[in-house]
Amino acid sequence: MGSCLVAYSGGVDSVFLAFVAHQTLGSRSLAVIADSPSLPRQELKEAIEIAERFGFPLEIIRTREFDNENYLKNPVNRCYFCKSALFEEMEEVVKKTGIRQVLYGENASDVGDYRPGAQAAQEFSVVAPMKEVGLTKAEIRELSGRLGLPTADKPQMACLSSRIPYGEQVTSEKLSAIEQAERLLKDRWGFQEVRVRSHEMQQGQLARIELGSEEWERFFTHPEWGAEIGTSLKAIGFQFVTLDLIGYRRGGGLNDGILKKSAKSRA
């Protein structure tokens, strides 16, 4: 490719991609991270620290998806508008730097999932090299471990807007409450694989907590935690606090209906 921009978030895939691009191209590669209300402050901080630690250049840009009513309405293809906003800003970096090829971290494990952001990537001619060569998430984690990258065992982290069910308005206030709740669950109670899904109820917002399978035993060996967590999340602004008995799953099950509908239409 000669030179490239890498859409960077600080997650498993984009850290691996940015690191390898820099290994291969040196100063002719540049990682670009989008700072927006949907990115947790801690994630931004850690992403910057990783870039500094491993010496690959990083540029922080501001994206404007919150200016787009189509994004705020939170349709099932919300990610399309988010990725479009990102790639639009990256095109400005392309003009400034002369770098022609833009890359992002979709991989072979993402094939078959509902990913409207891939449509935006196609429209902007953004390349997913890990998907092209068939690298799976497990393989990326293994290779990251060999390279000494701290993200090898990092839990998956989607944007904060993904915690809001499709059709419910995305607002900065909701995202702030979700971010505070997840940070509290990690810092005070030590949960690592955890999501707080925010649902609109007639009487106020409901927080639906999803825990990874390895977190359950810790939770149930501390029966007092339930009341403590409920009180703390209510102080943040949630009216109701629940624990999802199915536990953490990618997308909180919100894509299940879309995937079933898509499978039926193909059949």
C-alpha atoms as a PDB file:
ATOM      1  CA  MET A   1       0.000   0.000   0.000  1.00  0.00           C
ATOM      2  CA  GLY A   2       2.943   2.329   0.516  1.00  0.00           C
ATOM      3  CA  SER A   3       1.177   4.337   3.234  1.00  0.00           C
ATOM      4  CA  CYS A   4      -2.015   4.091   5.252  1.00  0.00           C
ATOM      5  CA  LEU A   5      -4.352   5.618   7.819  1.00  0.00           C
ATOM      6  CA  VAL A   6      -5.746   3.220  10.428  1.00  0.00           C
ATOM      7  CA  ALA A   7      -9.150   3.833  12.024  1.00  0.00           C
ATOM      8  CA  TYR A   8      -8.107   3.332  15.641  1.00  0.00           C
ATOM      9  CA  SER A   9     -10.158   2.880  18.805  1.00  0.00           C
ATOM     10  CA  GLY A  10      -7.816   1.233  21.302  1.00  0.00           C
ATOM     11  CA  GLY A  11      -9.633  -2.110  20.990  1.00  0.00           C
ATOM     12  CA  VAL A  12      -8.125  -5.512  20.204  1.00  0.00           C
ATOM     13  CA  ASP A  13      -8.424  -5.295  16.424  1.00  0.00           C
ATOM     14  CA  SER A  14      -7.429  -1.688  15.811  1.00  0.00           C
ATOM     15  CA  VAL A  15      -4.417  -1.824  18.163  1.00  0.00           C
ATOM     16  CA  PHE A  16      -3.108  -4.918  16.380  1.00  0.00           C
ATOM     17  CA  LEU A  17      -3.711  -3.337  12.971  1.00  0.00           C
ATOM     18  CA  ALA A  18      -2.106  -0.003  13.926  1.00  0.00           C
ATOM     19  CA  PHE A  19       0.916  -1.763  15.460  1.00  0.00           C
ATOM     20  CA  VAL A  20       1.527  -4.017  12.436  1.00  0.00           C
ATOM     21  CA  ALA A  21       0.988  -1.116  10.011  1.00  0.00           C
ATOM     22  CA  HIS A  22       3.610   0.886  11.878  1.00  0.00           C
ATOM     23  CA  GLN A  23       5.960  -2.116  11.981  1.00  0.00           C
ATOM     24  CA  THR A  24       5.591  -2.457   8.221  1.00  0.00           C
ATOM     25  CA  LEU A  25       5.435   1.153   7.046  1.00  0.00           C
ATOM     26  CA  GLY A  26       7.001   3.167   9.877  1.00  0.00           C
ATOM     27  CA  SER A  27       6.250   6.873   9.567  1.00  0.00           C
ATOM     28  CA  ARG A  28       4.134   6.202   6.477  1.00  0.00           C
ATOM     29  CA  SER A  29       1.349   4.851   8.713  1.00  0.00           C
ATOM     30  CA  LEU A  30      -0.860   6.987  10.946  1.00  0.00           C
ATOM     31  CA  ALA A  31      -3.490   5.877  13.453  1.00  0.00           C
ATOM     32  CA  VAL A  32      -6.560   8.122  13.717  1.00  0.00           C
ATOM     33  CA  ILE A  33      -8.956   8.030  16.672  1.00  0.00           C
ATOM     34  CA  ALA A  34     -12.343   9.748  16.749  1.00  0.00           C
ATOM     35  CA  ASP A  35     -13.188  11.605  19.939  1.00  0.00           C
ATOM     36  CA  SER A  36     -16.960  11.778  20.413  1.00  0.00           C
ATOM     37  CA  PRO A  37     -19.542  11.381  23.224  1.00  0.00           C
ATOM     38  CA  SER A  38     -19.911   7.686  22.320  1.00  0.00           C
ATOM     39  CA  LEU A  39     -16.275   6.936  23.267  1.00  0.00           C
ATOM     40  CA  PRO A  40     -15.685   6.450  27.020  1.00  0.00           C
ATOM     41  CA  ARG A  41     -13.058   8.834  28.422  1.00  0.00           C
ATOM     42  CA  GLN A  42     -11.113   5.932  29.943  1.00  0.00           C
ATOM     43  CA  GLU A  43     -10.991   4.167  26.567  1.00  0.00           C
ATOM     44  CA  LEU A  44      -9.634   7.315  24.904  1.00  0.00           C
ATOM     45  CA  LYS A  45      -6.999   7.697  27.619  1.00  0.00           C
ATOM     46  CA  GLU A  46      -5.877   4.062  27.317  1.00  0.00           C
ATOM     47  CA  ALA A  47      -5.812   4.223  23.507  1.00  0.00           C
ATOM     48  CA  ILE A  48      -3.517   7.257  23.618  1.00  0.00           C
ATOM     49  CA  GLU A  49      -1.264   5.558  26.193  1.00  0.00           C
ATOM     50  CA  ILE A  50      -0.918   2.439  24.006  1.00  0.00           C
ATOM     51  CA  ALA A  51       0.065   4.522  20.980  1.00  0.00           C
ATOM     52  CA  GLU A  52       2.668   6.356  23.053  1.00  0.00           C
ATOM     53  CA  ARG A  53       4.006   3.145  24.596  1.00  0.00           C
ATOM     54  CA  PHE A  54       4.474   1.382  21.252  1.00  0.00           C
ATOM     55  CA  GLY A  55       5.568   4.452  19.366  1.00  0.00           C
ATOM     56  CA  PHE A  56       3.065   4.579  16.539  1.00  0.00           C
ATOM     57  CA  PRO A  57       1.872   8.055  15.507  1.00  0.00           C
ATOM     58  CA  LEU A  58      -1.682   8.989  16.461  1.00  0.00           C
ATOM     59  CA  GLU A  59      -3.973  11.832  15.467  1.00  0.00           C
ATOM     60  CA  ILE A  60      -7.165  12.681  17.379  1.00  0.00           C
ATOM     61  CA  ILE A  61     -10.055  13.972  15.294  1.00  0.00           C
ATOM     62  CA  ARG A  62     -13.566  15.143  16.156  1.00  0.00           C
ATOM     63  CA  THR A  63     -16.459  13.454  14.404  1.00  0.00           C
ATOM     64  CA  ARG A  64     -19.898  14.987  13.949  1.00  0.00           C
ATOM     65  CA  GLU A  65     -22.338  12.089  14.075  1.00  0.00           C
ATOM     66  CA  PHE A  66     -24.224  13.900  16.878  1.00  0.00           C
ATOM     67  CA  ASP A  67     -25.077  16.612  14.348  1.00  0.00           C
ATOM     68  CA  ASN A  68     -26.876  13.996  12.240  1.00  0.00           C
ATOM     69  CA  GLU A  69     -30.520  13.406  13.179  1.00  0.00           C
ATOM     70  CA  ASN A  70     -30.388  10.048  11.384  1.00  0.00           C
ATOM     71  CA  TYR A  71     -27.788   8.894  13.900  1.00  0.00           C
ATOM     72  CA  LEU A  72     -29.595  10.303  16.942  1.00  0.00           C
ATOM     73  CA  LYS A  73     -32.843   8.550  15.991  1.00  0.00           C
ATOM     74  CA  ASN A  74     -30.910   5.299  16.491  1.00  0.00           C
ATOM     75  CA  PRO A  75     -32.204   3.208  13.568  1.00  0.00           C
ATOM     76  CA  VAL A  76     -30.971  -0.358  13.072  1.00  0.00           C
ATOM     77  CA  ASN A  77     -28.270   0.990  10.727  1.00  0.00           C
ATOM     78  CA  ARG A  78     -27.011   3.598  13.227  1.00  0.00           C
ATOM     79  CA  CYS A  79     -23.459   2.300  12.799  1.00  0.00           C
ATOM     80  CA  TYR A  80     -23.614   3.240   9.135  1.00  0.00           C
ATOM     81  CA  PHE A  81     -23.998   6.922  10.031  1.00  0.00           C
ATOM     82  CA  CYS A  82     -21.286   6.687  12.681  1.00  0.00           C
ATOM     83  CA  LYS A  83     -18.758   5.058  10.346  1.00  0.00           C
ATOM     84  CA  SER A  84     -19.687   7.479   7.564  1.00  0.00           C
ATOM     85  CA  ALA A  85     -18.931  10.405   9.896  1.00  0.00           C
ATOM     86  CA  LEU A  86     -15.596   8.796  10.810  1.00  0.00           C
ATOM     87  CA  PHE A  87     -14.514   8.069   7.245  1.00  0.00           C
ATOM     88  CA  GLU A  88     -15.618  11.536   6.140  1.00  0.00           C
ATOM     89  CA  GLU A  89     -13.259  13.101   8.672  1.00  0.00           C
ATOM     90  CA  MET A  90     -10.510  10.650   7.746  1.00  0.00           C
ATOM     91  CA  GLU A  91     -10.813  11.826   4.152  1.00  0.00           C
ATOM     92  CA  GLU A  92      -9.808  15.265   5.408  1.00  0.00           C
ATOM     93  CA  VAL A  93      -6.709  13.696   6.976  1.00  0.00           C
ATOM     94  CA  VAL A  94      -6.025  12.001   3.629  1.00  0.00           C
ATOM     95  CA  LYS A  95      -6.083  15.402   1.903  1.00  0.00           C
ATOM     96  CA  LYS A  96      -3.764  16.864   4.529  1.00  0.00           C
ATOM     97  CA  THR A  97      -1.219  14.034   4.609  1.00  0.00           C
ATOM     98  CA  GLY A  98      -1.342  12.659   1.086  1.00  0.00           C
ATOM     99  CA  ILE A  99      -1.868   9.144   2.471  1.00  0.00           C
ATOM    100  CA  ARG A 100      -4.254   7.358   0.143  1.00  0.00           C
ATOM    101  CA  GLN A 101      -5.330   4.100   1.762  1.00  0.00           C
ATOM    102  CA  VAL A 102      -7.634   4.013   4.799  1.00  0.00           C
ATOM    103  CA  LEU A 103      -7.873   0.781   6.839  1.00  0.00           C
ATOM    104  CA  TYR A 104     -10.171  -0.430   9.606  1.00  0.00           C
ATOM    105  CA  GLY A 105     -10.284  -3.423  11.916  1.00  0.00           C
ATOM    106  CA  GLU A 106     -13.099  -5.635  10.670  1.00  0.00           C
ATOM    107  CA  ASN A 107     -11.968  -9.271  10.768  1.00  0.00           C
ATOM    108  CA  ALA A 108     -13.103 -12.723   9.623  1.00  0.00           C
ATOM    109  CA  SER A 109     -15.113 -13.308  12.816  1.00  0.00           C
ATOM    110  CA  ASP A 110     -17.325 -10.347  11.927  1.00  0.00           C
ATOM    111  CA  VAL A 111     -18.591 -12.009   8.745  1.00  0.00           C
ATOM    112  CA  GLY A 112     -22.221 -13.043   9.216  1.00  0.00           C
ATOM    113  CA  ASP A 113     -22.940 -10.488  11.943  1.00  0.00           C
ATOM    114  CA  TYR A 114     -25.107  -7.468  11.181  1.00  0.00           C
ATOM    115  CA  ARG A 115     -22.567  -4.718  10.517  1.00  0.00           C
ATOM    116  CA  PRO A 116     -23.984  -1.690   8.648  1.00  0.00           C
ATOM    117  CA  GLY A 117     -20.642   0.075   9.179  1.00  0.00           C
ATOM    118  CA  ALA A 118     -19.226  -2.244   6.521  1.00  0.00           C
ATOM    119  CA  GLN A 119     -21.494  -0.544   3.959  1.00  0.00           C
ATOM    120  CA  ALA A 120     -19.951   2.823   4.835  1.00  0.00           C
ATOM    121  CA  ALA A 121     -16.475   1.305   4.504  1.00  0.00           C
ATOM    122  CA  GLN A 122     -17.349   0.049   1.042  1.00  0.00           C
ATOM    123  CA  GLU A 123     -18.726   3.432  -0.031  1.00  0.00           C
ATOM    124  CA  PHE A 124     -15.547   5.203   1.156  1.00  0.00           C
ATOM    125  CA  SER A 125     -13.243   2.494  -0.287  1.00  0.00           C
ATOM    126  CA  VAL A 126     -11.914   1.645   3.169  1.00  0.00           C
ATOM    127  CA  VAL A 127     -10.053  -1.681   3.346  1.00  0.00           C
ATOM    128  CA  ALA A 128     -10.311  -4.384   6.035  1.00  0.00           C
ATOM    129  CA  PRO A 129      -7.021  -6.274   5.608  1.00  0.00           C
ATOM    130  CA  MET A 130      -7.610  -8.705   8.478  1.00  0.00           C
ATOM    131  CA  LYS A 131     -10.916  -9.790   6.973  1.00  0.00           C
ATOM    132  CA  GLU A 132      -9.280 -10.110   3.552  1.00  0.00           C
ATOM    133  CA  VAL A 133      -6.623 -12.532   4.840  1.00  0.00           C
ATOM    134  CA  GLY A 134      -9.111 -14.448   7.016  1.00  0.00           C
ATOM    135  CA  LEU A 135      -7.770 -13.523  10.466  1.00  0.00           C
ATOM    136  CA  THR A 136     -10.280 -14.352  13.197  1.00  0.00           C
ATOM    137  CA  LYS A 137     -10.692 -12.546  16.525  1.00  0.00           C
ATOM    138  CA  ALA A 138      -9.070 -15.499  18.349  1.00  0.00           C
ATOM    139  CA  GLU A 139      -6.064 -15.388  16.023  1.00  0.00           C
ATOM    140  CA  ILE A 140      -5.725 -11.625  16.432  1.00  0.00           C
ATOM    141  CA  ARG A 141      -5.705 -12.081  20.212  1.00  0.00           C
ATOM    142  CA  GLU A 142      -3.073 -14.817  19.951  1.00  0.00           C
ATOM    143  CA  LEU A 143      -0.844 -12.730  17.659  1.00  0.00           C
ATOM    144  CA  SER A 144      -1.327  -9.684  19.884  1.00  0.00           C
ATOM    145  CA  GLY A 145      -0.108 -11.739  22.828  1.00  0.00           C
ATOM    146  CA  ARG A 146       3.006 -12.793  20.918  1.00  0.00           C
ATOM    147  CA  LEU A 147       3.701  -9.151  20.110  1.00  0.00           C
ATOM    148  CA  GLY A 148       3.291  -8.126  23.746  1.00  0.00           C
ATOM    149  CA  LEU A 149       0.250  -5.931  23.095  1.00  0.00           C
ATOM    150  CA  PRO A 150      -1.780  -5.239  26.273  1.00  0.00           C
ATOM    151  CA  THR A 151      -5.051  -5.666  24.380  1.00  0.00           C
ATOM    152  CA  ALA A 152      -4.533  -9.408  23.753  1.00  0.00           C
ATOM    153  CA  ASP A 153      -6.957 -10.295  26.561  1.00  0.00           C
ATOM    154  CA  LYS A 154      -8.980  -7.095  26.569  1.00  0.00           C
ATOM    155  CA  PRO A 155     -12.768  -7.630  26.640  1.00  0.00           C
ATOM    156  CA  GLN A 156     -14.630  -6.477  23.551  1.00  0.00           C
ATOM    157  CA  MET A 157     -15.682  -2.858  23.737  1.00  0.00           C
ATOM    158  CA  ALA A 158     -18.326  -1.350  21.465  1.00  0.00           C
ATOM    159  CA  CYS A 159     -19.289   2.332  21.485  1.00  0.00           C
ATOM    160  CA  LEU A 160     -21.606   3.608  24.220  1.00  0.00           C
ATOM    161  CA  SER A 161     -24.448   4.177  21.748  1.00  0.00           C
ATOM    162  CA  SER A 162     -24.643   0.402  21.255  1.00  0.00           C
ATOM    163  CA  ARG A 163     -26.068   0.171  24.795  1.00  0.00           C
ATOM    164  CA  ILE A 164     -29.301   1.885  23.680  1.00  0.00           C
ATOM    165  CA  PRO A 165     -31.952  -0.239  21.896  1.00  0.00           C
ATOM    166  CA  TYR A 166     -32.673   0.632  18.290  1.00  0.00           C
ATOM    167  CA  GLY A 167     -35.420   3.213  17.938  1.00  0.00           C
ATOM    168  CA  GLU A 168     -34.722   4.902  21.275  1.00  0.00           C
ATOM    169  CA  GLN A 169     -33.104   8.329  20.944  1.00  0.00           C
ATOM    170  CA  VAL A 170     -29.352   8.595  21.496  1.00  0.00           C
ATOM    171  CA  THR A 171     -28.534  11.506  23.813  1.00  0.00           C
ATOM    172  CA  SER A 172     -25.373  12.720  25.502  1.00  0.00           C
ATOM    173  CA  GLU A 173     -27.155  12.424  28.880  1.00  0.00           C
ATOM    174  CA  LYS A 174     -27.898   8.725  28.360  1.00  0.00           C
ATOM    175  CA  LEU A 175     -24.342   8.014  27.235  1.00  0.00           C
ATOM    176  CA  SER A 176     -22.906   9.847  30.233  1.00  0.00           C
ATOM    177  CA  ALA A 177     -25.046   7.777  32.641  1.00  0.00           C
ATOM    178  CA  ILE A 178     -24.059   4.534  30.906  1.00  0.00           C
ATOM    179  CA  GLU A 179     -20.376   5.458  31.002  1.00  0.00           C
ATOM    180  CA  GLN A 180     -20.530   6.356  34.706  1.00  0.00           C
ATOM    181  CA  ALA A 181     -22.365   3.110  35.531  1.00  0.00           C
ATOM    182  CA  GLU A 182     -19.924   0.867  33.673  1.00  0.00           C
ATOM    183  CA  ARG A 183     -16.917   2.689  35.124  1.00  0.00           C
ATOM    184  CA  LEU A 184     -18.348   2.213  38.627  1.00  0.00           C
ATOM    185  CA  LEU A 185     -18.977  -1.508  38.078  1.00  0.00           C
ATOM    186  CA  LYS A 186     -15.392  -1.939  36.928  1.00  0.00           C
ATOM    187  CA  ASP A 187     -13.650   0.275  39.482  1.00  0.00           C
ATOM    188  CA  ARG A 188     -15.662  -0.455  42.632  1.00  0.00           C
ATOM    189  CA  TRP A 189     -16.727  -4.067  42.106  1.00  0.00           C
ATOM    190  CA  GLY A 190     -13.977  -5.257  39.758  1.00  0.00           C
ATOM    191  CA  PHE A 191     -16.125  -6.490  36.873  1.00  0.00           C
ATOM    192  CA  GLN A 192     -14.303  -6.619  33.549  1.00  0.00           C
ATOM    193  CA  GLU A 193     -16.754  -8.043  31.029  1.00  0.00           C
ATOM    194  CA  VAL A 194     -19.810  -5.942  31.762  1.00  0.00           C
ATOM    195  CA  ARG A 195     -22.365  -3.880  29.856  1.00  0.00           C
ATOM    196  CA  VAL A 196     -25.052  -1.511  31.073  1.00  0.00           C
ATOM    197  CA  ARG A 197     -27.905  -1.356  28.568  1.00  0.00           C
ATOM    198  CA  SER A 198     -30.210   1.649  28.955  1.00  0.00           C
ATOM    199  CA  HIS A 199     -33.926   1.243  28.222  1.00  0.00           C
ATOM    200  CA  GLU A 200     -36.639   3.903  28.195  1.00  0.00           C
ATOM    201  CA  MET A 201     -39.506   3.156  30.568  1.00  0.00           C
ATOM    202  CA  GLN A 202     -42.614   5.213  31.196  1.00  0.00           C
ATOM    203  CA  GLN A 203     -41.353   6.021  34.715  1.00  0.00           C
ATOM    204  CA  GLY A 204     -37.692   6.598  33.761  1.00  0.00           C
ATOM    205  CA  GLN A 205     -34.559   4.877  32.479  1.00  0.00           C
ATOM    206  CA  LEU A 206     -33.916   1.198  33.220  1.00  0.00           C
ATOM    207  CA  ALA A 207     -30.338  -0.106  33.517  1.00  0.00           C
ATOM    208  CA  ARG A 208     -30.006  -3.731  32.339  1.00  0.00           C
ATOM    209  CA  ILE A 209     -26.661  -5.103  33.522  1.00  0.00           C
ATOM    210  CA  GLU A 210     -25.040  -7.882  31.514  1.00  0.00           C
ATOM    211  CA  LEU A 211     -22.134  -9.809  33.080  1.00  0.00           C
ATOM    212  CA  GLY A 212     -19.703 -12.133  31.309  1.00  0.00           C
ATOM    213  CA  SER A 213     -19.884 -15.826  32.223  1.00  0.00           C
ATOM    214  CA  GLU A 214     -16.780 -15.621  34.416  1.00  0.00           C
ATOM    215  CA  GLU A 215     -18.248 -12.753  36.458  1.00  0.00           C
ATOM    216  CA  TRP A 216     -21.330 -14.571  37.744  1.00  0.00           C
ATOM    217  CA  GLU A 217     -19.701 -16.533  40.561  1.00  0.00           C
ATOM    218  CA  ARG A 218     -18.161 -13.377  42.024  1.00  0.00           C
ATOM    219  CA  PHE A 219     -21.498 -11.598  41.896  1.00  0.00           C
ATOM    220  CA  PHE A 220     -23.467 -14.357  43.644  1.00  0.00           C
ATOM    221  CA  THR A 221     -20.857 -14.939  46.350  1.00  0.00           C
ATOM    222  CA  HIS A 222     -21.483 -11.343  47.445  1.00  0.00           C
ATOM    223  CA  PRO A 223     -25.265 -11.103  47.987  1.00  0.00           C
ATOM    224  CA  GLU A 224     -24.928  -7.578  49.364  1.00  0.00           C
ATOM    225  CA  TRP A 225     -23.629  -6.312  46.007  1.00  0.00           C
ATOM    226  CA  GLY A 226     -27.073  -6.322  44.404  1.00  0.00           C
ATOM    227  CA  ALA A 227     -28.468  -3.629  46.696  1.00  0.00           C
ATOM    228  CA  GLU A 228     -25.211  -1.662  46.616  1.00  0.00           C
ATOM    229  CA  ILE A 229     -25.084  -1.635  42.823  1.00  0.00           C
ATOM    230  CA  GLY A 230     -28.788  -0.767  42.575  1.00  0.00           C
ATOM    231  CA  THR A 231     -28.404   2.186  44.934  1.00  0.00           C
ATOM    232  CA  SER A 232     -25.283   3.441  43.148  1.00  0.00           C
ATOM    233  CA  LEU A 233     -26.819   3.280  39.665  1.00  0.00           C
ATOM    234  CA  LYS A 234     -29.984   4.992  40.883  1.00  0.00           C
ATOM    235  CA  ALA A 235     -27.777   7.808  42.203  1.00  0.00           C
ATOM    236  CA  ILE A 236     -26.416   8.195  38.664  1.00  0.00           C
ATOM    237  CA  GLY A 237     -29.940   8.685  37.346  1.00  0.00           C
ATOM    238  CA  PHE A 238     -31.427   5.282  36.524  1.00  0.00           C
ATOM    239  CA  GLN A 239     -34.912   4.694  37.920  1.00  0.00           C
ATOM    240  CA  PHE A 240     -34.712   0.890  37.704  1.00  0.00           C
ATOM    241  CA  VAL A 241     -31.715  -1.487  37.865  1.00  0.00           C
ATOM    242  CA  THR A 242     -31.900  -5.108  36.682  1.00  0.00           C
ATOM    243  CA  LEU A 243     -29.506  -8.013  36.082  1.00  0.00           C
ATOM    244  CA  ASP A 244     -29.894  -9.807  32.745  1.00  0.00           C
ATOM    245  CA  LEU A 245     -30.105 -13.551  33.509  1.00  0.00           C
ATOM    246  CA  ILE A 246     -28.778 -14.528  30.078  1.00  0.00           C
ATOM    247  CA  GLY A 247     -25.614 -12.506  30.697  1.00  0.00           C
ATOM    248  CA  TYR A 248     -23.328 -10.654  28.321  1.00  0.00           C
ATOM    249  CA  ARG A 249     -23.662 -11.330  24.619  1.00  0.00           C
ATOM    250  CA  ARG A 250     -22.441  -9.272  21.728  1.00  0.00           C
ATOM    251  CA  GLY A 251     -24.844  -6.449  20.943  1.00  0.00           C
ATOM    252  CA  GLY A 252     -26.994  -7.352  23.954  1.00  0.00           C
ATOM    253  CA  GLY A 253     -29.167  -9.511  21.721  1.00  0.00           C
ATOM    254  CA  LEU A 254     -30.353  -6.411  19.876  1.00  0.00           C
ATOM    255  CA  ASN A 255     -29.173  -7.780  16.509  1.00  0.00           C
ATOM    256  CA  ASP A 256     -30.818 -11.198  16.924  1.00  0.00           C
ATOM    257  CA  GLY A 257     -34.106 -10.206  15.305  1.00  0.00           C
ATOM    258  CA  ILE A 258     -32.330  -8.477  12.418  1.00  0.00           C
ATOM    259  CA  LEU A 259     -30.146 -11.521  11.722  1.00  0.00           C
ATOM    260  CA  LYS A 260     -33.157 -13.889  11.851  1.00  0.00           C
ATOM    261  CA  LYS A 261     -35.079 -11.656   9.437  1.00  0.00           C
ATOM    262  CA  SER A 262     -32.049 -11.508   7.132  1.00  0.00           C
ATOM    263  CA  ALA A 263     -31.691 -15.321   7.210  1.00  0.00           C
ATOM    264  CA  LYS A 264     -35.390 -15.756   6.351  1.00  0.00           C
ATOM    265  CA  SER A 265     -35.137 -13.370   3.406  1.00  0.00           C
ATOM    266  CA  ARG A 266     -32.100 -15.258   2.042  1.00  0.00           C
ATOM    267  CA  ALA A 267     -33.939 -18.562   2.410  1.00  0.00           C
END
